[in-house]
Amino acid sequence: MGNGIAHVFAVAGYDVLLSDISEEALQKAVAKIEKNLHRQVSKGYLSEEVAKAAVDRITTSTWHSRHISIRFSLIVPYLFWIVRIR
């Protein structure tokens, strides 16, 4: 999940799991979300409580690229049907 999507869902009240193969990338994503939330608070779009609650809803997890490719390969047979339905 990209950090922008995670940001929007967390503000909307959903628990969010950010996953990446790099802990450094996860730290950067969370820092960017916190920066954007702070900007929204400073402009009056969000309250401090909503921003803090949004950050608290975000959890992070690292995983291996092999795991990602396996999950993607499980989807491939269904891609044709997804495209056909649209």
Protein backbone atom coordinates (compact mmCIF):
# COMPACT_ATOMS: atom_id res chain seq x y z
CA MET A 1 0.00 0.00 0.00
CA GLY A 2 1.42 3.43 -0.92
CA ASN A 3 1.83 5.98 1.81
CA GLY A 4 -0.82 8.28 0.33
CA ILE A 5 -3.41 5.50 0.32
CA ALA A 6 -2.40 4.49 3.85
CA HIS A 7 -2.75 8.13 4.96
CA VAL A 8 -6.28 8.49 3.56
CA PHE A 9 -7.51 5.19 4.97
CA ALA A 10 -5.99 5.83 8.41
CA VAL A 11 -7.65 9.27 8.60
CA ALA A 12 -10.93 7.64 7.55
CA GLY A 13 -10.69 5.33 10.57
CA TYR A 14 -9.36 2.12 9.04
CA ASP A 15 -6.50 0.08 10.49
CA VAL A 16 -3.69 0.07 7.93
CA LEU A 17 -0.79 -2.32 7.37
CA LEU A 18 2.10 -0.82 5.40
CA SER A 19 4.33 -3.54 3.97
CA ASP A 20 7.69 -3.28 2.24
CA ILE A 21 10.86 -5.32 1.84
CA SER A 22 12.90 -2.56 3.51
CA GLU A 23 12.56 -1.21 7.05
CA GLU A 24 14.13 2.03 5.82
CA ALA A 25 11.39 2.48 3.22
CA LEU A 26 8.74 1.89 5.88
CA GLN A 27 10.30 4.51 8.17
CA LYS A 28 10.36 7.03 5.30
CA ALA A 29 6.72 6.29 4.47
CA VAL A 30 5.56 6.76 8.06
CA ALA A 31 7.62 9.96 8.36
CA LYS A 32 6.01 11.32 5.19
CA ILE A 33 2.54 10.47 6.46
CA GLU A 34 3.28 12.20 9.78
CA LYS A 35 4.59 15.27 7.91
CA ASN A 36 1.46 15.43 5.75
CA LEU A 37 -0.82 14.99 8.77
CA HIS A 38 1.02 17.80 10.57
CA ARG A 39 0.51 20.03 7.54
CA GLN A 40 -3.21 19.24 7.53
CA VAL A 41 -3.42 20.08 11.25
CA SER A 42 -1.55 23.37 10.76
CA LYS A 43 -3.98 24.36 7.98
CA GLY A 44 -6.99 23.45 10.12
CA TYR A 45 -8.13 20.52 7.97
CA LEU A 46 -7.69 18.00 10.81
CA SER A 47 -7.60 18.17 14.57
CA GLU A 48 -4.52 17.02 16.46
CA GLU A 49 -6.55 14.14 17.92
CA VAL A 50 -7.59 12.85 14.48
CA ALA A 51 -4.00 13.03 13.23
CA LYS A 52 -2.66 11.15 16.26
CA ALA A 53 -5.38 8.51 15.94
CA ALA A 54 -4.52 8.09 12.24
CA VAL A 55 -0.84 7.49 13.04
CA ASP A 56 -1.83 5.00 15.74
CA ARG A 57 -3.85 3.01 13.17
CA ILE A 58 -0.80 2.43 10.97
CA THR A 59 1.32 -0.66 11.53
CA THR A 60 4.33 -1.68 9.47
CA SER A 61 5.69 -5.00 8.34
CA THR A 62 8.61 -6.14 6.21
CA TRP A 63 8.43 -9.10 3.90
CA HIS A 64 10.63 -10.80 1.35
CA SER A 65 10.39 -10.21 -2.39
CA ARG A 66 9.83 -13.95 -2.90
CA HIS A 67 6.63 -13.72 -0.88
CA ILE A 68 5.41 -10.83 -3.03
CA SER A 69 6.08 -12.69 -6.26
CA ILE A 70 4.24 -15.75 -5.00
CA ARG A 71 1.18 -13.67 -4.10
CA PHE A 72 1.28 -11.97 -7.51
CA SER A 73 1.56 -15.31 -9.31
CA LEU A 74 -1.60 -16.50 -7.57
CA ILE A 75 -3.51 -13.55 -9.05
CA VAL A 76 -2.31 -13.94 -12.64
CA PRO A 77 -4.88 -16.60 -13.70
CA TYR A 78 -7.69 -14.27 -12.64
CA LEU A 79 -6.41 -11.12 -14.35
CA PHE A 80 -8.03 -12.13 -17.63
CA TRP A 81 -11.45 -12.36 -15.94
CA ILE A 82 -10.99 -9.05 -14.15
CA VAL A 83 -10.20 -7.34 -17.44
CA ARG A 84 -13.09 -9.07 -19.25
CA ILE A 85 -15.63 -8.04 -16.60
CA ARG A 86 -14.66 -4.39 -16.78
